C-alpha atoms as a PDB file:
ATOM      1  CA  MET A   1      -8.213 -10.425 -14.845  1.00  0.00           C
ATOM      2  CA  PRO A   2      -8.318  -6.770 -15.899  1.00  0.00           C
ATOM      3  CA  ALA A   3     -11.285  -4.720 -14.737  1.00  0.00           C
ATOM      4  CA  THR A   4     -11.545  -2.828 -17.989  1.00  0.00           C
ATOM      5  CA  PHE A   5     -13.030  -4.178 -21.195  1.00  0.00           C
ATOM      6  CA  ALA A   6     -12.363  -3.021 -24.730  1.00  0.00           C
ATOM      7  CA  ILE A   7     -15.218  -3.243 -27.193  1.00  0.00           C
ATOM      8  CA  PRO A   8     -14.025  -4.752 -30.506  1.00  0.00           C
ATOM      9  CA  ALA A   9     -13.892  -2.162 -33.251  1.00  0.00           C
ATOM     10  CA  MET A  10     -16.316  -4.087 -35.490  1.00  0.00           C
ATOM     11  CA  LEU A  11     -19.095  -3.785 -32.875  1.00  0.00           C
ATOM     12  CA  THR A  12     -20.963  -0.518 -33.173  1.00  0.00           C
ATOM     13  CA  PRO A  13     -22.111   1.356 -30.046  1.00  0.00           C
ATOM     14  CA  GLU A  14     -25.712   0.782 -31.188  1.00  0.00           C
ATOM     15  CA  PHE A  15     -25.179  -2.976 -31.333  1.00  0.00           C
ATOM     16  CA  VAL A  16     -23.522  -3.071 -27.906  1.00  0.00           C
ATOM     17  CA  GLU A  17     -26.339  -0.964 -26.450  1.00  0.00           C
ATOM     18  CA  GLU A  18     -28.936  -3.419 -27.769  1.00  0.00           C
ATOM     19  CA  LEU A  19     -26.831  -6.398 -26.661  1.00  0.00           C
ATOM     20  CA  TRP A  20     -26.368  -5.197 -23.079  1.00  0.00           C
ATOM     21  CA  TYR A  21     -29.499  -3.158 -22.450  1.00  0.00           C
ATOM     22  CA  GLY A  22     -31.993  -4.633 -24.888  1.00  0.00           C
ATOM     23  CA  ARG A  23     -33.082  -8.149 -25.808  1.00  0.00           C
ATOM     24  CA  HIS A  24     -30.541  -9.111 -28.446  1.00  0.00           C
ATOM     25  CA  PRO A  25     -30.332 -12.928 -28.729  1.00  0.00           C
ATOM     26  CA  ALA A  26     -26.536 -12.798 -29.004  1.00  0.00           C
ATOM     27  CA  SER A  27     -26.438 -12.061 -25.270  1.00  0.00           C
ATOM     28  CA  LEU A  28     -27.649 -15.610 -24.600  1.00  0.00           C
ATOM     29  CA  LEU A  29     -24.949 -17.031 -26.860  1.00  0.00           C
ATOM     30  CA  LEU A  30     -22.299 -15.033 -24.973  1.00  0.00           C
ATOM     31  CA  ALA A  31     -23.630 -15.982 -21.544  1.00  0.00           C
ATOM     32  CA  PRO A  32     -21.052 -18.791 -20.988  1.00  0.00           C
ATOM     33  CA  LEU A  33     -18.260 -16.266 -21.523  1.00  0.00           C
ATOM     34  CA  GLY A  34     -19.958 -14.043 -18.956  1.00  0.00           C
ATOM     35  CA  TRP A  35     -19.983 -16.930 -16.468  1.00  0.00           C
ATOM     36  CA  ALA A  36     -16.260 -17.491 -17.070  1.00  0.00           C
ATOM     37  CA  TYR A  37     -15.556 -13.795 -16.579  1.00  0.00           C
ATOM     38  CA  ARG A  38     -17.597 -13.785 -13.368  1.00  0.00           C
ATOM     39  CA  PHE A  39     -15.649 -16.798 -12.074  1.00  0.00           C
ATOM     40  CA  CYS A  40     -12.339 -15.039 -12.759  1.00  0.00           C
ATOM     41  CA  ILE A  41     -13.502 -11.845 -11.040  1.00  0.00           C
ATOM     42  CA  SER A  42     -14.779 -13.767  -7.998  1.00  0.00           C
ATOM     43  CA  SER A  43     -11.533 -15.767  -7.760  1.00  0.00           C
ATOM     44  CA  ARG A  44      -9.477 -12.595  -7.951  1.00  0.00           C
ATOM     45  CA  ARG A  45     -11.523 -10.936  -5.208  1.00  0.00           C
ATOM     46  CA  LEU A  46     -11.185 -14.050  -3.015  1.00  0.00           C
ATOM     47  CA  ALA A  47      -7.402 -13.996  -3.479  1.00  0.00           C
ATOM     48  CA  TYR A  48      -7.276 -10.458  -2.100  1.00  0.00           C
ATOM     49  CA  ALA A  49      -9.758 -11.184   0.694  1.00  0.00           C
ATOM     50  CA  THR A  50      -7.750 -14.164   1.963  1.00  0.00           C
ATOM     51  CA  GLY A  51      -4.396 -12.391   1.734  1.00  0.00           C
ATOM     52  CA  LEU A  52      -3.101 -14.563  -1.101  1.00  0.00           C
ATOM     53  CA  ILE A  53      -2.535 -11.294  -2.959  1.00  0.00           C
ATOM     54  CA  PRO A  54      -1.594  -8.455  -0.570  1.00  0.00           C
ATOM     55  CA  ILE A  55      -3.653  -5.298  -0.182  1.00  0.00           C
ATOM     56  CA  GLN A  56      -1.646  -2.112   0.272  1.00  0.00           C
ATOM     57  CA  ARG A  57      -2.851   0.077   3.123  1.00  0.00           C
ATOM     58  CA  MET A  58      -2.257   3.818   2.985  1.00  0.00           C
ATOM     59  CA  PRO A  59      -1.251   6.170   5.843  1.00  0.00           C
ATOM     60  CA  GLY A  60      -4.605   7.962   5.658  1.00  0.00           C
ATOM     61  CA  PRO A  61      -8.236   7.328   4.669  1.00  0.00           C
ATOM     62  CA  VAL A  62      -8.961   6.206   1.113  1.00  0.00           C
ATOM     63  CA  ILE A  63     -12.384   6.747  -0.480  1.00  0.00           C
ATOM     64  CA  VAL A  64     -13.125   4.705  -3.595  1.00  0.00           C
ATOM     65  CA  VAL A  65     -15.791   5.853  -6.053  1.00  0.00           C
ATOM     66  CA  GLY A  66     -16.668   3.329  -8.724  1.00  0.00           C
ATOM     67  CA  ASN A  67     -19.396   1.477 -10.569  1.00  0.00           C
ATOM     68  CA  LEU A  68     -20.264  -2.041 -11.610  1.00  0.00           C
ATOM     69  CA  THR A  69     -20.939  -1.428 -15.286  1.00  0.00           C
ATOM     70  CA  VAL A  70     -18.893  -0.418 -18.301  1.00  0.00           C
ATOM     71  CA  GLY A  71     -19.369   3.222 -19.251  1.00  0.00           C
ATOM     72  CA  GLY A  72     -20.186   6.443 -17.475  1.00  0.00           C
ATOM     73  CA  CYS A  73     -22.779   6.794 -14.751  1.00  0.00           C
ATOM     74  CA  GLY A  74     -21.784  10.032 -12.993  1.00  0.00           C
ATOM     75  CA  LYS A  75     -18.669   9.104 -11.018  1.00  0.00           C
ATOM     76  CA  THR A  76     -16.624  12.164 -11.977  1.00  0.00           C
ATOM     77  CA  PRO A  77     -19.221  14.771 -10.867  1.00  0.00           C
ATOM     78  CA  LEU A  78     -19.526  12.914  -7.557  1.00  0.00           C
ATOM     79  CA  VAL A  79     -15.730  12.859  -7.128  1.00  0.00           C
ATOM     80  CA  ILE A  80     -15.720  16.624  -7.685  1.00  0.00           C
ATOM     81  CA  TRP A  81     -18.491  17.075  -5.103  1.00  0.00           C
ATOM     82  CA  LEU A  82     -16.653  14.926  -2.551  1.00  0.00           C
ATOM     83  CA  ALA A  83     -13.357  16.757  -3.076  1.00  0.00           C
ATOM     84  CA  ASN A  84     -14.975  20.152  -2.591  1.00  0.00           C
ATOM     85  CA  PHE A  85     -16.930  18.898   0.432  1.00  0.00           C
ATOM     86  CA  LEU A  86     -13.705  17.637   2.013  1.00  0.00           C
ATOM     87  CA  LYS A  87     -11.895  20.905   1.297  1.00  0.00           C
ATOM     88  CA  ASN A  88     -14.715  22.884   2.876  1.00  0.00           C
ATOM     89  CA  SER A  89     -14.524  20.572   5.895  1.00  0.00           C
ATOM     90  CA  GLY A  90     -10.850  21.372   6.485  1.00  0.00           C
ATOM     91  CA  PHE A  91      -9.218  18.378   4.787  1.00  0.00           C
ATOM     92  CA  ARG A  92      -6.474  18.331   2.131  1.00  0.00           C
ATOM     93  CA  PRO A  93      -7.832  15.804  -0.362  1.00  0.00           C
ATOM     94  CA  GLY A  94      -5.915  14.307  -3.242  1.00  0.00           C
ATOM     95  CA  ILE A  95      -7.398  12.386  -6.156  1.00  0.00           C
ATOM     96  CA  VAL A  96      -5.987   9.399  -8.006  1.00  0.00           C
ATOM     97  CA  SER A  97      -7.236   8.153 -11.368  1.00  0.00           C
ATOM     98  CA  ARG A  98      -6.258   5.755 -14.100  1.00  0.00           C
ATOM     99  CA  GLY A  99      -6.149   8.594 -16.622  1.00  0.00           C
ATOM    100  CA  TYR A 100      -7.888   6.766 -19.473  1.00  0.00           C
ATOM    101  CA  GLY A 101      -6.825   8.060 -22.855  1.00  0.00           C
ATOM    102  CA  GLY A 102      -3.646   9.662 -21.512  1.00  0.00           C
ATOM    103  CA  THR A 103      -0.368   9.106 -23.341  1.00  0.00           C
ATOM    104  CA  ALA A 104       2.183  10.174 -20.722  1.00  0.00           C
ATOM    105  CA  ARG A 105       5.373   8.113 -20.709  1.00  0.00           C
ATOM    106  CA  HIS A 106       6.081   8.422 -16.998  1.00  0.00           C
ATOM    107  CA  TRP A 107       3.711   7.434 -14.211  1.00  0.00           C
ATOM    108  CA  PRO A 108       2.434   8.565 -11.765  1.00  0.00           C
ATOM    109  CA  GLN A 109       1.689  11.801 -13.609  1.00  0.00           C
ATOM    110  CA  GLN A 110       0.710  14.915 -11.703  1.00  0.00           C
ATOM    111  CA  VAL A 111      -2.266  16.700 -13.249  1.00  0.00           C
ATOM    112  CA  ARG A 112      -2.867  20.443 -13.074  1.00  0.00           C
ATOM    113  CA  PRO A 113      -5.816  22.497 -14.343  1.00  0.00           C
ATOM    114  CA  ASP A 114      -3.786  23.444 -17.423  1.00  0.00           C
ATOM    115  CA  SER A 115      -2.411  19.949 -18.142  1.00  0.00           C
ATOM    116  CA  ASP A 116      -2.791  18.492 -21.617  1.00  0.00           C
ATOM    117  CA  PRO A 117      -5.774  16.076 -21.543  1.00  0.00           C
ATOM    118  CA  GLY A 118      -4.127  14.141 -24.362  1.00  0.00           C
ATOM    119  CA  THR A 119      -1.301  13.326 -21.952  1.00  0.00           C
ATOM    120  CA  ALA A 120      -3.089  13.036 -18.621  1.00  0.00           C
ATOM    121  CA  GLY A 121      -6.625  12.064 -19.661  1.00  0.00           C
ATOM    122  CA  ASP A 122      -9.753  14.197 -19.930  1.00  0.00           C
ATOM    123  CA  GLU A 123     -11.411  13.346 -16.605  1.00  0.00           C
ATOM    124  CA  PRO A 124      -8.324  14.063 -14.421  1.00  0.00           C
ATOM    125  CA  VAL A 125      -7.882  17.469 -16.076  1.00  0.00           C
ATOM    126  CA  LEU A 126     -11.561  18.240 -15.531  1.00  0.00           C
ATOM    127  CA  ILE A 127     -11.288  17.219 -11.858  1.00  0.00           C
ATOM    128  CA  ALA A 128      -8.197  19.384 -11.379  1.00  0.00           C
ATOM    129  CA  ARG A 129      -9.947  22.359 -13.000  1.00  0.00           C
ATOM    130  CA  ARG A 130     -13.091  22.033 -10.909  1.00  0.00           C
ATOM    131  CA  THR A 131     -11.516  21.264  -7.510  1.00  0.00           C
ATOM    132  CA  GLY A 132      -8.061  22.812  -7.416  1.00  0.00           C
ATOM    133  CA  CYS A 133      -6.936  19.609  -5.668  1.00  0.00           C
ATOM    134  CA  LEU A 134      -3.813  17.626  -6.360  1.00  0.00           C
ATOM    135  CA  VAL A 135      -4.535  14.915  -8.924  1.00  0.00           C
ATOM    136  CA  ALA A 136      -2.237  12.038  -9.846  1.00  0.00           C
ATOM    137  CA  VAL A 137      -2.858   9.502 -12.604  1.00  0.00           C
ATOM    138  CA  SER A 138      -1.300   6.086 -12.941  1.00  0.00           C
ATOM    139  CA  SER A 139      -2.239   2.512 -13.722  1.00  0.00           C
ATOM    140  CA  ASP A 140      -0.718   1.814 -10.288  1.00  0.00           C
ATOM    141  CA  ARG A 141      -3.169   3.676  -8.058  1.00  0.00           C
ATOM    142  CA  CYS A 142      -1.273   2.538  -4.960  1.00  0.00           C
ATOM    143  CA  ALA A 143       1.880   4.365  -6.060  1.00  0.00           C
ATOM    144  CA  ALA A 144      -0.134   7.449  -6.995  1.00  0.00           C
ATOM    145  CA  ALA A 145      -1.979   7.501  -3.654  1.00  0.00           C
ATOM    146  CA  ARG A 146       1.152   6.907  -1.585  1.00  0.00           C
ATOM    147  CA  GLY A 147       2.914   9.736  -3.390  1.00  0.00           C
ATOM    148  CA  LEU A 148       0.084  12.171  -2.588  1.00  0.00           C
ATOM    149  CA  PHE A 149       0.128  11.142   1.063  1.00  0.00           C
ATOM    150  CA  GLU A 150       3.883  11.187   1.547  1.00  0.00           C
ATOM    151  CA  HIS A 151       5.082  13.977  -0.735  1.00  0.00           C
ATOM    152  CA  ALA A 152       2.110  16.294  -1.345  1.00  0.00           C
ATOM    153  CA  GLY A 153       0.689  16.734   2.154  1.00  0.00           C
ATOM    154  CA  CYS A 154      -2.691  15.154   1.418  1.00  0.00           C
ATOM    155  CA  ASP A 155      -4.573  13.663   4.365  1.00  0.00           C
ATOM    156  CA  VAL A 156      -7.345  11.838   2.482  1.00  0.00           C
ATOM    157  CA  ILE A 157      -7.459  10.251  -0.984  1.00  0.00           C
ATOM    158  CA  ILE A 158     -10.335   9.818  -3.407  1.00  0.00           C
ATOM    159  CA  SER A 159      -9.841   7.091  -5.999  1.00  0.00           C
ATOM    160  CA  ASP A 160     -11.851   7.835  -9.138  1.00  0.00           C
ATOM    161  CA  ASP A 161     -13.190   4.661 -10.779  1.00  0.00           C
ATOM    162  CA  GLY A 162     -11.149   2.436  -8.453  1.00  0.00           C
ATOM    163  CA  LEU A 163     -13.716  -0.127  -7.328  1.00  0.00           C
ATOM    164  CA  GLN A 164     -12.028  -3.013  -9.149  1.00  0.00           C
ATOM    165  CA  HIS A 165      -8.478  -1.899  -8.280  1.00  0.00           C
ATOM    166  CA  LEU A 166      -8.342  -4.238  -5.273  1.00  0.00           C
ATOM    167  CA  ALA A 167      -4.664  -3.761  -4.454  1.00  0.00           C
ATOM    168  CA  LEU A 168      -5.486  -0.324  -3.051  1.00  0.00           C
ATOM    169  CA  GLY A 169      -6.853  -0.634   0.470  1.00  0.00           C
ATOM    170  CA  ARG A 170      -9.966   1.412   1.002  1.00  0.00           C
ATOM    171  CA  ASP A 171     -11.879   2.731   3.996  1.00  0.00           C
ATOM    172  CA  ILE A 172     -15.054   3.854   2.218  1.00  0.00           C
ATOM    173  CA  GLU A 173     -16.560   2.397  -0.949  1.00  0.00           C
ATOM    174  CA  ILE A 174     -19.168   4.376  -2.883  1.00  0.00           C
ATOM    175  CA  VAL A 175     -20.806   2.702  -5.870  1.00  0.00           C
ATOM    176  CA  VAL A 176     -22.588   4.892  -8.435  1.00  0.00           C
ATOM    177  CA  VAL A 177     -25.560   3.456 -10.346  1.00  0.00           C
ATOM    178  CA  ASP A 178     -27.349   4.919 -13.342  1.00  0.00           C
ATOM    179  CA  ALA A 179     -31.072   5.112 -12.535  1.00  0.00           C
ATOM    180  CA  VAL A 180     -32.171   4.623 -16.146  1.00  0.00           C
ATOM    181  CA  ARG A 181     -30.028   1.722 -17.285  1.00  0.00           C
ATOM    182  CA  ARG A 182     -29.226   0.153 -13.895  1.00  0.00           C
ATOM    183  CA  PHE A 183     -27.423  -3.153 -14.727  1.00  0.00           C
ATOM    184  CA  GLY A 184     -28.839  -3.818 -18.186  1.00  0.00           C
ATOM    185  CA  ASN A 185     -29.511  -7.493 -18.797  1.00  0.00           C
ATOM    186  CA  GLY A 186     -27.782  -8.408 -15.530  1.00  0.00           C
ATOM    187  CA  ARG A 187     -24.995 -10.383 -17.209  1.00  0.00           C
ATOM    188  CA  CYS A 188     -21.241  -9.999 -16.867  1.00  0.00           C
ATOM    189  CA  LEU A 189     -18.928  -9.094 -19.735  1.00  0.00           C
ATOM    190  CA  PRO A 190     -19.070  -9.694 -22.617  1.00  0.00           C
ATOM    191  CA  ALA A 191     -22.682 -10.878 -22.510  1.00  0.00           C
ATOM    192  CA  GLY A 192     -23.739  -7.852 -20.459  1.00  0.00           C
ATOM    193  CA  PRO A 193     -22.352  -4.591 -19.088  1.00  0.00           C
ATOM    194  CA  LEU A 194     -21.367  -5.819 -15.611  1.00  0.00           C
ATOM    195  CA  ARG A 195     -17.743  -5.721 -14.507  1.00  0.00           C
ATOM    196  CA  GLU A 196     -18.838  -7.466 -11.306  1.00  0.00           C
ATOM    197  CA  PRO A 197     -22.060  -9.235 -10.306  1.00  0.00           C
ATOM    198  CA  ALA A 198     -24.843  -6.944  -9.112  1.00  0.00           C
ATOM    199  CA  LYS A 199     -24.770  -8.543  -5.645  1.00  0.00           C
ATOM    200  CA  ARG A 200     -21.463  -6.704  -5.153  1.00  0.00           C
ATOM    201  CA  LEU A 201     -23.595  -3.695  -4.140  1.00  0.00           C
ATOM    202  CA  LYS A 202     -24.222  -5.340  -0.767  1.00  0.00           C
ATOM    203  CA  LYS A 203     -20.555  -4.924   0.175  1.00  0.00           C
ATOM    204  CA  ALA A 204     -20.445  -1.190  -0.627  1.00  0.00           C
ATOM    205  CA  ASP A 205     -20.653   1.380   2.155  1.00  0.00           C
ATOM    206  CA  MET A 206     -22.909   3.656   0.107  1.00  0.00           C
ATOM    207  CA  VAL A 207     -24.817   3.329  -3.164  1.00  0.00           C
ATOM    208  CA  VAL A 208     -25.476   6.581  -5.024  1.00  0.00           C
ATOM    209  CA  THR A 209     -28.018   6.597  -7.835  1.00  0.00           C
ATOM    210  CA  ASN A 210     -27.778   9.091 -10.661  1.00  0.00           C
ATOM    211  CA  GLY A 211     -31.508   9.811 -10.712  1.00  0.00           C
ATOM    212  CA  LEU A 212     -34.358   8.304  -8.730  1.00  0.00           C
ATOM    213  CA  PRO A 213     -32.865   5.989  -6.073  1.00  0.00           C
ATOM    214  CA  TRP A 214     -34.128   2.630  -4.977  1.00  0.00           C
ATOM    215  CA  ARG A 215     -34.586   1.754  -1.313  1.00  0.00           C
ATOM    216  CA  GLY A 216     -31.339   2.083   0.636  1.00  0.00           C
ATOM    217  CA  GLU A 217     -29.692   4.227  -2.057  1.00  0.00           C
ATOM    218  CA  PHE A 218     -28.816   7.924  -2.059  1.00  0.00           C
ATOM    219  CA  GLY A 219     -30.084  10.063  -4.919  1.00  0.00           C
ATOM    220  CA  MET A 220     -27.813  12.331  -6.951  1.00  0.00           C
ATOM    221  CA  ASP A 221     -29.271  15.096  -9.123  1.00  0.00           C
ATOM    222  CA  TYR A 222     -27.540  16.987 -11.926  1.00  0.00           C
ATOM    223  CA  VAL A 223     -27.731  20.766 -11.772  1.00  0.00           C
ATOM    224  CA  ALA A 224     -26.770  22.693 -14.895  1.00  0.00           C
ATOM    225  CA  ARG A 225     -24.652  25.821 -14.407  1.00  0.00           C
ATOM    226  CA  SER A 226     -24.228  28.718 -16.823  1.00  0.00           C
ATOM    227  CA  LEU A 227     -22.871  28.014 -20.285  1.00  0.00           C
ATOM    228  CA  HIS A 228     -19.231  28.980 -20.877  1.00  0.00           C
ATOM    229  CA  PHE A 229     -17.864  30.206 -24.186  1.00  0.00           C
ATOM    230  CA  LEU A 230     -14.964  28.028 -25.321  1.00  0.00           C
ATOM    231  CA  ALA A 231     -13.100  30.837 -27.044  1.00  0.00           C
ATOM    232  CA  ASP A 232     -13.262  32.974 -23.876  1.00  0.00           C
ATOM    233  CA  ASP A 233     -13.860  30.969 -20.707  1.00  0.00           C
ATOM    234  CA  THR A 234     -14.753  34.113 -18.752  1.00  0.00           C
ATOM    235  CA  ARG A 235     -17.788  34.735 -20.964  1.00  0.00           C
ATOM    236  CA  THR A 236     -20.934  33.013 -19.717  1.00  0.00           C
ATOM    237  CA  CYS A 237     -24.578  32.752 -20.687  1.00  0.00           C
ATOM    238  CA  GLU A 238     -27.592  31.343 -18.898  1.00  0.00           C
ATOM    239  CA  LEU A 239     -28.795  28.072 -20.353  1.00  0.00           C
ATOM    240  CA  SER A 240     -32.326  29.455 -20.379  1.00  0.00           C
ATOM    241  CA  ALA A 241     -31.233  31.892 -23.098  1.00  0.00           C
ATOM    242  CA  PHE A 242     -31.104  28.922 -25.481  1.00  0.00           C
ATOM    243  CA  ALA A 243     -34.581  27.630 -24.579  1.00  0.00           C
ATOM    244  CA  GLY A 244     -36.649  27.040 -27.716  1.00  0.00           C
ATOM    245  CA  LYS A 245     -33.576  27.285 -29.952  1.00  0.00           C
ATOM    246  CA  THR A 246     -31.984  24.524 -32.002  1.00  0.00           C
ATOM    247  CA  VAL A 247     -28.401  23.619 -31.050  1.00  0.00           C
ATOM    248  CA  HIS A 248     -25.835  21.023 -32.002  1.00  0.00           C
ATOM    249  CA  ALA A 249     -25.213  18.933 -28.858  1.00  0.00           C
ATOM    250  CA  VAL A 250     -21.829  17.187 -28.700  1.00  0.00           C
ATOM    251  CA  ALA A 251     -21.101  14.480 -26.137  1.00  0.00           C
ATOM    252  CA  GLY A 252     -18.179  12.056 -26.007  1.00  0.00           C
ATOM    253  CA  ILE A 253     -19.077  10.486 -22.669  1.00  0.00           C
ATOM    254  CA  GLY A 254     -20.155   7.082 -21.425  1.00  0.00           C
ATOM    255  CA  PHE A 255     -23.889   7.759 -21.817  1.00  0.00           C
ATOM    256  CA  PRO A 256     -24.429  10.696 -24.223  1.00  0.00           C
ATOM    257  CA  ALA A 257     -28.224  10.358 -24.050  1.00  0.00           C
ATOM    258  CA  ARG A 258     -28.138  11.679 -20.490  1.00  0.00           C
ATOM    259  CA  PHE A 259     -26.573  14.953 -21.658  1.00  0.00           C
ATOM    260  CA  PHE A 260     -29.013  15.322 -24.545  1.00  0.00           C
ATOM    261  CA  SER A 261     -31.928  14.681 -22.186  1.00  0.00           C
ATOM    262  CA  LEU A 262     -30.643  17.335 -19.777  1.00  0.00           C
ATOM    263  CA  LEU A 263     -30.551  19.943 -22.536  1.00  0.00           C
ATOM    264  CA  ARG A 264     -34.078  19.063 -23.627  1.00  0.00           C
ATOM    265  CA  ARG A 265     -35.232  19.370 -20.035  1.00  0.00           C
ATOM    266  CA  TYR A 266     -34.141  23.011 -20.177  1.00  0.00           C
ATOM    267  CA  GLY A 267     -36.112  23.579 -23.381  1.00  0.00           C
ATOM    268  CA  LEU A 268     -33.377  23.286 -26.032  1.00  0.00           C
ATOM    269  CA  GLN A 269     -34.055  21.694 -29.419  1.00  0.00           C
ATOM    270  CA  VAL A 270     -31.213  19.214 -29.792  1.00  0.00           C
ATOM    271  CA  ARG A 271     -29.395  17.825 -32.811  1.00  0.00           C
ATOM    272  CA  GLU A 272     -27.456  14.938 -31.314  1.00  0.00           C
ATOM    273  CA  HIS A 273     -23.782  14.236 -32.020  1.00  0.00           C
ATOM    274  CA  ALA A 274     -22.686  11.291 -29.886  1.00  0.00           C
ATOM    275  CA  PHE A 275     -19.056  10.131 -29.762  1.00  0.00           C
ATOM    276  CA  PRO A 276     -17.323   7.290 -27.896  1.00  0.00           C
ATOM    277  CA  ASP A 277     -16.175   7.950 -24.348  1.00  0.00           C
ATOM    278  CA  HIS A 278     -12.753   9.692 -24.189  1.00  0.00           C
ATOM    279  CA  HIS A 279     -12.980  10.508 -27.899  1.00  0.00           C
ATOM    280  CA  ARG A 280     -10.058  12.487 -29.335  1.00  0.00           C
ATOM    281  CA  PHE A 281     -11.841  15.312 -31.114  1.00  0.00           C
ATOM    282  CA  ARG A 282     -10.798  16.812 -34.416  1.00  0.00           C
ATOM    283  CA  ARG A 283     -11.895  20.179 -35.714  1.00  0.00           C
ATOM    284  CA  ASP A 284     -14.382  18.633 -38.158  1.00  0.00           C
ATOM    285  CA  ASP A 285     -16.102  16.758 -35.308  1.00  0.00           C
ATOM    286  CA  ILE A 286     -17.429  19.973 -33.794  1.00  0.00           C
ATOM    287  CA  ARG A 287     -17.787  22.209 -36.875  1.00  0.00           C
ATOM    288  CA  PHE A 288     -21.083  22.126 -38.771  1.00  0.00           C
ATOM    289  CA  ASN A 289     -22.231  23.796 -41.988  1.00  0.00           C
ATOM    290  CA  ASP A 290     -24.704  26.207 -40.408  1.00  0.00           C
ATOM    291  CA  ASP A 291     -24.892  29.031 -37.897  1.00  0.00           C
ATOM    292  CA  LEU A 292     -26.414  27.070 -35.024  1.00  0.00           C
ATOM    293  CA  PRO A 293     -24.777  27.152 -31.575  1.00  0.00           C
ATOM    294  CA  VAL A 294     -22.754  24.134 -30.474  1.00  0.00           C
ATOM    295  CA  VAL A 295     -23.110  22.956 -26.864  1.00  0.00           C
ATOM    296  CA  MET A 296     -20.862  20.243 -25.413  1.00  0.00           C
ATOM    297  CA  THR A 297     -20.064  18.676 -22.068  1.00  0.00           C
ATOM    298  CA  GLU A 298     -17.346  20.150 -19.881  1.00  0.00           C
ATOM    299  CA  LYS A 299     -15.420  16.882 -20.109  1.00  0.00           C
ATOM    300  CA  ASP A 300     -15.298  17.247 -23.893  1.00  0.00           C
ATOM    301  CA  ALA A 301     -14.523  20.948 -23.693  1.00  0.00           C
ATOM    302  CA  VAL A 302     -11.149  20.380 -21.983  1.00  0.00           C
ATOM    303  CA  LYS A 303     -10.036  18.704 -25.239  1.00  0.00           C
ATOM    304  CA  CYS A 304     -11.620  21.243 -27.585  1.00  0.00           C
ATOM    305  CA  PHE A 305     -10.441  24.695 -26.490  1.00  0.00           C
ATOM    306  CA  GLY A 306      -7.992  24.864 -29.391  1.00  0.00           C
ATOM    307  CA  LEU A 307     -10.644  23.724 -31.872  1.00  0.00           C
ATOM    308  CA  ALA A 308     -13.438  26.098 -30.918  1.00  0.00           C
ATOM    309  CA  GLY A 309     -14.989  28.736 -33.100  1.00  0.00           C
ATOM    310  CA  ASP A 310     -17.370  31.600 -32.372  1.00  0.00           C
ATOM    311  CA  ARG A 311     -20.435  29.393 -31.691  1.00  0.00           C
ATOM    312  CA  HIS A 312     -19.030  26.840 -29.242  1.00  0.00           C
ATOM    313  CA  TRP A 313     -20.209  26.580 -25.630  1.00  0.00           C
ATOM    314  CA  TYR A 314     -19.817  24.047 -22.863  1.00  0.00           C
ATOM    315  CA  LEU A 315     -22.073  23.256 -19.942  1.00  0.00           C
ATOM    316  CA  PRO A 316     -20.562  22.642 -16.479  1.00  0.00           C
ATOM    317  CA  ILE A 317     -22.599  20.286 -14.318  1.00  0.00           C
ATOM    318  CA  ASP A 318     -22.833  20.191 -10.530  1.00  0.00           C
ATOM    319  CA  VAL A 319     -24.424  17.443  -8.500  1.00  0.00           C
ATOM    320  CA  ARG A 320     -26.788  17.968  -5.606  1.00  0.00           C
ATOM    321  CA  MET A 321     -26.567  15.601  -2.635  1.00  0.00           C
ATOM    322  CA  ASP A 322     -29.017  15.743   0.241  1.00  0.00           C
ATOM    323  CA  ASN A 323     -28.243  16.090   3.942  1.00  0.00           C
ATOM    324  CA  THR A 324     -28.674  12.386   4.627  1.00  0.00           C
ATOM    325  CA  PHE A 325     -25.796  11.609   2.263  1.00  0.00           C
ATOM    326  CA  GLU A 326     -23.592  14.281   3.858  1.00  0.00           C
ATOM    327  CA  HIS A 327     -24.339  12.940   7.334  1.00  0.00           C
ATOM    328  CA  ARG A 328     -23.687   9.310   6.417  1.00  0.00           C
ATOM    329  CA  PHE A 329     -20.495  10.146   4.544  1.00  0.00           C
ATOM    330  CA  SER A 330     -19.204  12.275   7.445  1.00  0.00           C
ATOM    331  CA  MET A 331     -19.886   9.449   9.898  1.00  0.00           C
ATOM    332  CA  LEU A 332     -18.036   6.927   7.745  1.00  0.00           C
ATOM    333  CA  LEU A 333     -15.096   9.305   7.385  1.00  0.00           C
ATOM    334  CA  LYS A 334     -14.882   9.840  11.146  1.00  0.00           C
ATOM    335  CA  GLU A 335     -14.882   6.080  11.667  1.00  0.00           C
ATOM    336  CA  ALA A 336     -12.136   5.681   9.064  1.00  0.00           C
ATOM    337  CA  ILE A 337      -9.969   8.378  10.690  1.00  0.00           C
ATOM    338  CA  HIS A 338     -10.509   6.882  14.150  1.00  0.00           C
ATOM    339  CA  GLY A 339      -9.562   3.469  12.794  1.00  0.00           C
ATOM    340  CA  GLN A 340      -6.371   4.915  11.288  1.00  0.00           C
ATOM    341  CA  GLU A 341      -5.443   6.566  14.595  1.00  0.00           C
ATOM    342  CA  THR A 342      -6.000   3.438  16.686  1.00  0.00           C
ATOM    343  CA  ALA A 343      -4.422   0.989  14.231  1.00  0.00           C
END
């Protein structure tokens, strides 16, 4: 049973949002399909747990960052934070990803900061740009991870959005939860947004909440950096310079409302332009018939450098993790390394 789920083209994002996160009656009608999906997911997990389907162990620690719901919840910024934390701690991390939206013909595909996001996927290119780490994309995460261990000198792997890729053995599981939407109506696909039942959280090593955490969870806060000019990436501007001004805000991410809310929090007057996640932008998508500035996410910017004009900016985002998260993560990593050495 695949972990991903494609939304039929006839269903608008607004309808799906109401279906999964509102009180649309169609969710009740789809509930039996959600039960069937949940049964398939549980059976698949049991097959791996009992050894009926083999799990591939890697020669070094593997950290999986994922989520239970369809759509974005902040995994990529956390992956970037983890990679930089590991580098600063003396490790040589590598990152593996599915590379959604990529059109490369040969996999695994190595991703560099200057790789074409149309070939490798937008998130892997963003990760490579922000971390300087080796990134490999493939539908077979095991092959990608093994290649980074054996041929690239990596000593720890981070798997971006790999929670449901059960063939890849993992030493640390981190599940990211959106504080605003949580698990929607609590139903599995297609009746709700869940790729796995919410009780799956109990098996995770750490739960990170993008926003205000619940008990037992670690909070993750977004911190906006300086704006960067798309036509000249070396040119920057403080976000506060746009406070009180009206801007076109462009977001082709899993939850565009989060980006729009962030801009408003810094005092910007926002005209929203939401696009589907991994959207392939055209020039007309980001050009408007006025002189207002255009501000987009960094993930979208990696696909728009060749489309930008003289009013286009993007906003890099960092995440802030507290000391308790750092301590717990470091302890889990030490345990994983010790387990590898004694195995």
